[in-house]
N, C-alpha and C. Protein backbone atom coordinates (compact mmCIF):
# COMPACT_ATOMS: atom_id res chain seq x y z
N MET A 1 101.69 204.32 155.45
CA MET A 1 101.55 202.78 155.88
C MET A 1 100.75 202.81 156.98
N THR A 2 100.14 201.71 157.12
CA THR A 2 98.95 201.91 158.27
C THR A 2 99.52 201.38 159.21
N ASP A 3 99.10 202.10 160.74
CA ASP A 3 99.54 201.53 161.86
C ASP A 3 99.06 200.13 162.55
N PRO A 4 99.83 199.21 162.65
CA PRO A 4 99.23 197.72 163.00
C PRO A 4 98.60 198.00 164.40
N GLN A 5 99.09 198.56 165.26
CA GLN A 5 98.24 199.19 166.62
C GLN A 5 96.88 199.67 166.46
N ALA A 6 96.98 200.57 165.30
CA ALA A 6 95.37 201.17 165.12
C ALA A 6 94.40 199.85 164.92
N PHE A 7 94.78 199.00 163.67
CA PHE A 7 94.09 197.76 163.46
C PHE A 7 93.76 197.23 164.66
N VAL A 8 94.68 196.89 165.58
CA VAL A 8 94.41 196.13 166.74
C VAL A 8 93.70 196.85 167.79
N GLU A 9 93.58 198.12 167.95
CA GLU A 9 92.51 198.75 168.55
C GLU A 9 91.06 198.98 168.15
N ILE A 10 91.05 199.11 166.72
CA ILE A 10 89.85 198.82 165.75
C ILE A 10 89.08 197.59 165.92
N SER A 11 89.99 196.53 165.99
CA SER A 11 89.59 195.13 166.17
C SER A 11 88.89 195.08 167.46
N SER A 12 89.67 195.66 168.38
CA SER A 12 89.30 195.26 170.04
C SER A 12 88.15 195.76 170.24
N ARG A 13 87.97 197.18 170.09
CA ARG A 13 86.81 197.95 169.95
C ARG A 13 85.52 197.40 169.30
N SER A 14 85.92 196.76 167.94
CA SER A 14 84.55 196.52 167.58
C SER A 14 84.24 195.06 167.96
N ALA A 15 85.22 194.18 168.71
CA ALA A 15 84.81 193.29 169.25
C ALA A 15 84.12 193.44 170.80
N ALA A 16 84.62 194.29 171.58
CA ALA A 16 84.12 194.72 172.69
C ALA A 16 82.85 195.18 172.20
N GLU A 17 82.56 196.05 171.50
CA GLU A 17 81.08 196.71 170.78
C GLU A 17 79.92 195.32 170.76
N LEU A 18 80.51 194.42 169.94
CA LEU A 18 79.86 193.04 169.76
C LEU A 18 79.46 192.41 171.05
N ALA A 19 80.17 192.10 171.83
CA ALA A 19 79.98 191.40 173.15
C ALA A 19 79.28 192.31 173.86
N ASP A 20 79.10 193.45 173.86
CA ASP A 20 78.23 194.32 174.77
C ASP A 20 76.70 194.31 174.40
N LYS A 21 76.78 194.36 172.79
CA LYS A 21 75.28 194.14 172.23
C LYS A 21 74.81 192.76 172.45
N TYR A 22 75.61 191.90 172.38
CA TYR A 22 75.34 190.48 172.66
C TYR A 22 74.87 190.17 173.77
N LEU A 23 75.28 190.75 175.02
CA LEU A 23 75.22 190.78 176.46
C LEU A 23 73.85 191.52 176.69
N ALA A 24 73.85 192.78 176.02
CA ALA A 24 72.47 193.43 176.26
C ALA A 24 71.14 192.45 175.62
N LEU A 25 71.54 191.91 174.68
CA LEU A 25 69.96 191.02 174.23
C LEU A 25 69.66 189.98 175.65
N TRP A 26 70.46 189.55 175.97
CA TRP A 26 69.94 188.53 177.11
C TRP A 26 69.14 189.59 178.36
N ASN A 27 69.34 190.72 178.59
CA ASN A 27 68.88 191.38 179.57
C ASN A 27 67.75 192.27 179.02
N GLU A 28 67.55 192.25 177.58
CA GLU A 28 66.21 192.76 177.14
C GLU A 28 64.91 192.39 177.35
N PRO A 29 64.21 193.26 177.96
CA PRO A 29 62.72 192.71 178.51
C PRO A 29 61.90 192.59 177.19
N ASP A 30 61.97 193.73 176.37
CA ASP A 30 61.02 193.94 175.21
C ASP A 30 61.30 192.85 173.91
N ALA A 31 60.40 191.98 173.98
CA ALA A 31 60.28 191.09 172.94
C ALA A 31 60.98 191.30 171.60
N HIS A 32 60.07 192.45 170.93
CA HIS A 32 60.06 192.85 169.94
C HIS A 32 61.54 193.59 169.59
N ARG A 33 62.24 194.41 170.47
CA ARG A 33 63.72 194.82 170.40
C ARG A 33 64.52 193.38 170.43
N ARG A 34 64.53 192.57 171.23
CA ARG A 34 64.96 191.34 171.20
C ARG A 34 65.19 190.62 169.83
N ARG A 35 64.17 190.79 169.22
CA ARG A 35 64.04 190.12 167.79
C ARG A 35 64.88 190.86 166.99
N ARG A 36 64.62 192.38 167.04
CA ARG A 36 65.32 192.84 165.91
C ARG A 36 67.20 192.85 166.32
N MET A 37 67.40 192.72 167.67
CA MET A 37 68.72 192.50 167.64
C MET A 37 69.62 191.14 167.63
N ILE A 38 68.40 190.25 167.69
CA ILE A 38 68.90 189.09 167.09
C ILE A 38 69.18 188.91 165.62
N ALA A 39 68.12 189.50 164.88
CA ALA A 39 68.52 190.07 163.33
C ALA A 39 69.97 190.84 162.96
N GLU A 40 70.03 191.62 163.85
CA GLU A 40 71.62 192.44 163.75
C GLU A 40 72.82 191.41 164.17
N LEU A 41 72.57 190.72 165.21
CA LEU A 41 73.43 189.96 165.92
C LEU A 41 73.92 188.77 165.00
N TRP A 42 73.04 187.91 164.42
CA TRP A 42 73.19 186.55 163.92
C TRP A 42 72.75 186.60 162.43
N THR A 43 73.57 185.77 161.72
CA THR A 43 73.03 185.68 160.45
C THR A 43 71.63 184.76 160.50
N GLU A 44 71.00 184.78 159.15
CA GLU A 44 69.71 183.70 159.27
C GLU A 44 69.75 182.59 159.54
N ASP A 45 70.81 182.04 159.28
CA ASP A 45 70.88 180.59 159.82
C ASP A 45 71.81 180.13 161.09
N GLY A 46 72.04 181.50 161.62
CA GLY A 46 73.02 181.36 162.67
C GLY A 46 72.95 180.27 163.74
N ARG A 47 73.77 180.01 164.61
CA ARG A 47 73.12 178.66 165.55
C ARG A 47 73.96 179.50 166.86
N HIS A 48 72.98 178.91 168.12
CA HIS A 48 73.41 179.38 169.30
C HIS A 48 73.71 177.83 169.98
N ILE A 49 74.93 177.36 170.46
CA ILE A 49 75.04 176.10 170.91
C ILE A 49 75.47 176.32 172.62
N LEU A 50 74.91 175.65 173.11
CA LEU A 50 75.11 175.47 174.49
C LEU A 50 75.23 174.54 175.20
N GLN A 51 76.65 174.73 176.07
CA GLN A 51 77.06 173.40 176.84
C GLN A 51 76.66 174.14 178.35
N PRO A 52 75.85 173.04 178.70
CA PRO A 52 75.27 173.34 180.31
C PRO A 52 76.14 173.21 181.29
N PRO A 53 75.66 173.67 182.85
CA PRO A 53 76.75 173.25 183.89
C PRO A 53 76.91 171.74 183.77
N GLN A 54 78.13 171.70 184.61
CA GLN A 54 78.46 170.14 184.64
C GLN A 54 77.65 169.06 185.26
N GLU A 55 76.71 169.80 186.45
CA GLU A 55 75.77 169.17 187.11
C GLU A 55 74.55 168.38 185.95
N ILE A 56 74.12 169.35 185.03
CA ILE A 56 73.47 168.85 184.29
C ILE A 56 73.75 168.02 183.25
N ARG A 57 74.87 168.25 182.56
CA ARG A 57 75.53 167.06 181.76
C ARG A 57 75.82 165.75 182.70
N ALA A 58 76.05 165.62 183.90
CA ALA A 58 76.15 164.70 184.76
C ALA A 58 74.99 163.81 184.64
N ILE A 59 73.82 164.85 184.71
CA ILE A 59 72.42 164.00 184.89
C ILE A 59 72.15 163.15 183.47
N ALA A 60 72.24 163.93 182.39
CA ALA A 60 72.13 163.21 180.95
C ALA A 60 72.82 162.44 180.92
N ALA A 61 74.19 162.26 181.15
CA ALA A 61 74.96 160.95 180.83
C ALA A 61 74.53 159.78 181.77
N GLN A 62 73.98 160.03 182.85
CA GLN A 62 73.38 158.73 183.83
C GLN A 62 72.97 157.62 182.78
N PRO A 63 73.61 156.44 183.20
CA PRO A 63 72.86 155.10 182.77
C PRO A 63 71.17 155.16 182.95
N GLY A 64 70.94 154.86 181.41
CA GLY A 64 69.49 154.72 181.34
C GLY A 64 69.22 155.98 180.55
N ILE A 65 69.92 157.16 180.48
CA ILE A 65 69.56 158.37 179.94
C ILE A 65 70.43 158.39 178.77
N GLY A 66 71.58 158.38 178.83
CA GLY A 66 72.76 158.30 178.27
C GLY A 66 72.55 159.53 177.15
N LEU A 67 72.42 160.53 177.41
CA LEU A 67 72.51 161.72 176.25
C LEU A 67 73.72 162.76 176.78
N THR A 68 74.09 163.20 175.54
CA THR A 68 74.62 164.42 176.01
C THR A 68 73.97 165.62 175.61
N ALA A 69 74.40 166.64 177.05
CA ALA A 69 73.75 167.48 177.71
C ALA A 69 74.26 168.97 176.50
N ILE A 70 74.17 169.35 175.57
CA ILE A 70 74.31 170.18 174.40
C ILE A 70 73.09 170.66 173.92
N LEU A 71 72.76 171.75 173.94
CA LEU A 71 71.75 172.38 173.11
C LEU A 71 71.98 173.41 172.30
N GLU A 72 71.16 173.17 171.39
CA GLU A 72 71.69 174.14 170.15
C GLU A 72 70.22 174.59 169.88
N ALA A 73 70.21 176.06 169.38
CA ALA A 73 69.08 176.63 168.70
C ALA A 73 69.58 177.08 167.40
N ARG A 74 68.93 177.19 166.67
CA ARG A 74 69.13 177.21 164.97
C ARG A 74 68.53 178.16 164.30
N GLY A 75 68.77 179.28 163.85
CA GLY A 75 67.99 180.14 163.02
C GLY A 75 67.48 181.18 163.91
N TYR A 76 66.77 182.50 163.56
CA TYR A 76 66.16 183.61 164.19
C TYR A 76 65.15 183.01 165.09
N GLU A 77 64.13 182.18 164.99
CA GLU A 77 63.13 181.65 165.60
C GLU A 77 63.27 181.11 166.97
N GLN A 78 64.38 180.05 166.64
CA GLN A 78 64.92 179.36 167.83
C GLN A 78 65.82 179.92 168.75
N ILE A 79 66.29 180.92 168.39
CA ILE A 79 67.58 181.87 168.89
C ILE A 79 66.73 182.56 169.88
N GLU A 80 65.44 183.15 169.28
CA GLU A 80 64.74 184.01 169.68
C GLU A 80 63.85 183.26 170.89
N ALA A 81 63.60 182.08 170.60
CA ALA A 81 62.59 181.39 171.98
C ALA A 81 63.78 181.11 173.13
N ARG A 82 65.01 181.00 172.81
CA ARG A 82 66.01 180.63 173.63
C ARG A 82 66.19 181.90 174.39
N ALA A 83 66.30 183.39 173.94
CA ALA A 83 66.78 184.56 174.56
C ALA A 83 65.24 184.69 175.29
N ALA A 84 63.99 184.62 174.73
CA ALA A 84 62.84 184.80 175.52
C ALA A 84 62.88 183.85 176.86
N SER A 85 63.29 182.73 176.77
CA SER A 85 63.42 181.72 177.92
C SER A 85 64.19 182.25 178.83
N VAL A 86 65.56 182.59 178.47
CA VAL A 86 66.79 183.18 179.56
C VAL A 86 66.15 184.32 180.13
N TYR A 87 65.72 185.29 179.16
CA TYR A 87 65.37 186.41 179.97
C TYR A 87 63.97 186.11 181.04
N GLU A 88 62.91 185.70 180.53
CA GLU A 88 61.95 185.34 181.59
C GLU A 88 62.32 184.34 183.01
N HIS A 89 63.05 183.21 182.57
CA HIS A 89 63.57 182.74 183.87
C HIS A 89 64.50 183.57 184.73
N TRP A 90 65.77 183.92 183.88
CA TRP A 90 66.89 184.36 184.74
C TRP A 90 66.92 185.83 185.21
N VAL A 91 66.30 186.76 184.24
CA VAL A 91 66.26 188.04 184.51
C VAL A 91 64.98 188.56 185.23
N GLY A 92 64.08 188.14 184.51
CA GLY A 92 62.63 188.72 185.00
C GLY A 92 62.20 187.87 186.15
N SER A 93 62.46 186.62 186.49
CA SER A 93 61.85 185.78 187.68
C SER A 93 62.99 185.78 188.84
N GLU A 94 64.58 185.57 188.36
CA GLU A 94 65.15 185.67 189.08
C GLU A 94 66.06 186.75 189.69
N GLY A 95 65.83 187.71 188.64
CA GLY A 95 66.39 189.07 189.22
C GLY A 95 67.59 189.36 188.64
N PHE A 96 68.53 188.28 188.13
CA PHE A 96 69.58 188.20 187.56
C PHE A 96 69.82 189.15 186.22
N SER A 97 71.00 189.47 186.10
CA SER A 97 71.54 190.31 184.79
C SER A 97 72.66 189.64 184.44
N PHE A 98 73.16 189.96 183.02
CA PHE A 98 74.30 189.52 182.34
C PHE A 98 75.14 190.84 182.17
N ARG A 99 76.48 190.49 182.46
CA ARG A 99 77.33 191.26 182.24
C ARG A 99 78.61 190.94 181.86
N GLY A 100 79.38 191.36 180.98
CA GLY A 100 80.80 191.30 180.40
C GLY A 100 81.70 191.57 181.40
N ARG A 101 83.00 190.47 181.53
CA ARG A 101 84.17 191.10 181.83
C ARG A 101 84.60 191.72 180.65
N ASP A 102 86.11 192.20 181.28
CA ASP A 102 86.84 192.90 180.40
C ASP A 102 87.95 192.27 179.87
N ASP A 103 87.66 191.23 178.86
CA ASP A 103 88.48 190.30 178.55
C ASP A 103 88.18 189.93 177.18
N VAL A 104 87.43 190.84 176.18
CA VAL A 104 87.00 190.34 174.93
C VAL A 104 88.31 190.59 174.14
N GLU A 105 88.52 189.41 173.27
CA GLU A 105 89.56 189.22 172.34
C GLU A 105 89.16 188.70 170.83
N ARG A 106 89.37 189.17 169.86
CA ARG A 106 89.07 188.68 168.50
C ARG A 106 90.54 188.11 167.90
N LEU A 107 90.30 187.12 167.26
CA LEU A 107 91.31 186.27 166.53
C LEU A 107 90.88 186.04 165.27
N GLY A 108 91.17 186.81 164.16
CA GLY A 108 90.42 186.24 163.08
C GLY A 108 89.11 186.56 162.93
N ASP A 109 88.28 185.53 162.67
CA ASP A 109 86.79 185.56 162.60
C ASP A 109 86.17 185.04 164.12
N VAL A 110 86.73 185.04 165.06
CA VAL A 110 86.31 184.47 166.44
C VAL A 110 86.60 185.48 167.32
N VAL A 111 85.32 185.53 168.20
CA VAL A 111 85.67 186.80 169.21
C VAL A 111 85.18 185.77 170.46
N LYS A 112 85.88 185.88 171.57
CA LYS A 112 85.84 185.36 172.73
C LYS A 112 85.81 186.40 173.95
N PHE A 113 84.85 185.97 174.76
CA PHE A 113 84.86 186.74 176.11
C PHE A 113 84.17 186.16 177.26
N HIS A 114 84.25 186.33 178.46
CA HIS A 114 83.46 185.69 179.54
C HIS A 114 82.43 186.71 180.07
N TRP A 115 81.42 185.97 180.65
CA TRP A 115 80.25 186.80 181.20
C TRP A 115 79.75 186.52 182.13
N GLU A 116 79.13 187.23 183.09
CA GLU A 116 78.86 186.69 184.53
C GLU A 116 77.39 187.09 184.35
N ALA A 117 76.52 185.72 185.37
CA ALA A 117 75.27 186.34 185.64
C ALA A 117 75.16 186.83 187.17
N VAL A 118 74.73 187.97 187.23
CA VAL A 118 74.98 188.77 188.86
C VAL A 118 73.42 189.29 189.56
N ALA A 119 73.70 188.64 190.63
CA ALA A 119 71.93 189.16 191.42
C ALA A 119 72.19 190.59 191.76
N LYS A 120 71.21 191.12 192.12
CA LYS A 120 70.75 192.42 192.30
C LYS A 120 71.87 192.87 193.73
N ASP A 121 72.29 191.90 194.48
CA ASP A 121 73.05 192.42 195.56
C ASP A 121 74.56 192.70 194.90
N GLY A 122 74.69 192.28 193.73
CA GLY A 122 76.24 191.93 193.00
C GLY A 122 76.57 190.58 193.39
N GLU A 123 76.09 189.93 193.74
CA GLU A 123 76.77 188.66 193.60
C GLU A 123 76.99 187.70 192.61
N VAL A 124 77.89 187.31 192.16
CA VAL A 124 77.97 186.61 190.87
C VAL A 124 77.57 184.98 191.32
N PHE A 125 76.38 184.80 190.32
CA PHE A 125 75.62 183.61 190.48
C PHE A 125 76.39 182.57 189.06
N ALA A 126 76.68 182.98 187.97
CA ALA A 126 77.21 182.13 186.90
C ALA A 126 78.52 182.77 186.46
N VAL A 127 79.46 182.01 185.84
CA VAL A 127 80.22 182.45 184.96
C VAL A 127 80.05 181.85 183.57
N GLY A 128 80.18 182.38 182.33
CA GLY A 128 80.10 181.87 181.34
C GLY A 128 81.33 182.24 180.34
N LEU A 129 81.81 181.36 179.31
CA LEU A 129 82.56 181.71 178.43
C LEU A 129 82.00 181.66 176.94
N ASP A 130 82.14 182.48 176.01
CA ASP A 130 81.48 182.67 174.88
C ASP A 130 82.34 182.80 173.75
N PHE A 131 82.66 181.80 172.62
CA PHE A 131 83.10 182.07 171.31
C PHE A 131 82.11 182.22 170.19
N LEU A 132 82.27 183.35 169.61
CA LEU A 132 81.21 183.66 168.80
C LEU A 132 82.11 183.64 167.14
N VAL A 133 81.97 182.73 166.00
CA VAL A 133 82.33 182.54 165.04
C VAL A 133 81.55 183.44 164.22
N LEU A 134 82.12 184.51 163.56
CA LEU A 134 81.49 185.62 162.48
C LEU A 134 81.51 185.12 161.10
N ALA A 135 80.51 185.57 160.40
CA ALA A 135 80.36 185.30 159.11
C ALA A 135 81.08 186.44 158.40
N GLY A 136 81.01 186.67 156.99
CA GLY A 136 81.73 187.61 156.49
C GLY A 136 81.28 188.80 156.80
N ASP A 137 79.97 189.12 156.88
CA ASP A 137 79.48 190.58 157.50
C ASP A 137 79.64 191.00 158.64
N GLY A 138 80.37 189.78 159.46
CA GLY A 138 80.33 190.31 160.91
C GLY A 138 79.30 189.87 161.87
N ARG A 139 78.39 189.39 161.49
CA ARG A 139 77.31 188.95 162.51
C ARG A 139 77.91 187.29 162.66
N ILE A 140 77.07 186.98 163.84
CA ILE A 140 77.25 185.54 164.56
C ILE A 140 76.87 184.56 163.51
N ALA A 141 77.29 183.75 163.23
CA ALA A 141 77.33 182.43 162.10
C ALA A 141 77.29 181.20 163.26
N ARG A 142 78.06 181.11 164.29
CA ARG A 142 78.21 180.12 165.32
C ARG A 142 78.35 180.93 166.88
N ASP A 143 77.53 180.46 167.97
CA ASP A 143 77.85 181.25 168.97
C ASP A 143 77.61 179.65 169.92
N TYR A 144 79.13 179.76 170.57
CA TYR A 144 79.41 178.54 171.49
C TYR A 144 79.49 179.19 172.75
N THR A 145 78.44 178.41 173.80
CA THR A 145 78.41 179.28 174.85
C THR A 145 78.76 178.00 175.81
N PHE A 146 79.60 178.14 176.72
CA PHE A 146 79.89 177.32 178.10
C PHE A 146 79.62 178.06 179.10
N VAL A 147 79.04 177.27 180.04
CA VAL A 147 78.85 177.64 181.55
C VAL A 147 80.02 176.80 182.19
N VAL A 148 80.94 178.00 182.94
CA VAL A 148 82.11 177.16 183.45
C VAL A 148 82.01 177.27 184.86
N ALA A 149 80.95 178.13 185.83
CA ALA A 149 81.05 178.01 186.85
C ALA A 149 79.68 178.72 187.63
């Protein structure tokens, strides 16, 4: 009979490996490697759905603007453009890097974890929460990203 604890450990390790690869993408300076990583991580029609920080959502919701500040990238090309933009601004120009917290969990086809954007001096600039909904092949079908602090 299979040991249930062994299944949990394998599932957790796989989820942690996925989270590590996911975060490595946002820190990757080489565009060709980012493109390959996106194809390995996401399904071809995968989506990255981002809820920006509260201050941006408040600006978008102002009278006269009336927008919902949710940003969606769909498919490899749009996800690649988003990853390049994040790298160029936050990592390349601002000097931040993205790292995970030690809280990766998997429940069925969903992987959840927190991440941090960290300055070179170690100061945490931002914190986010990701929910990755996986396709049958283990790649990301939908990625829900919340910037929480």
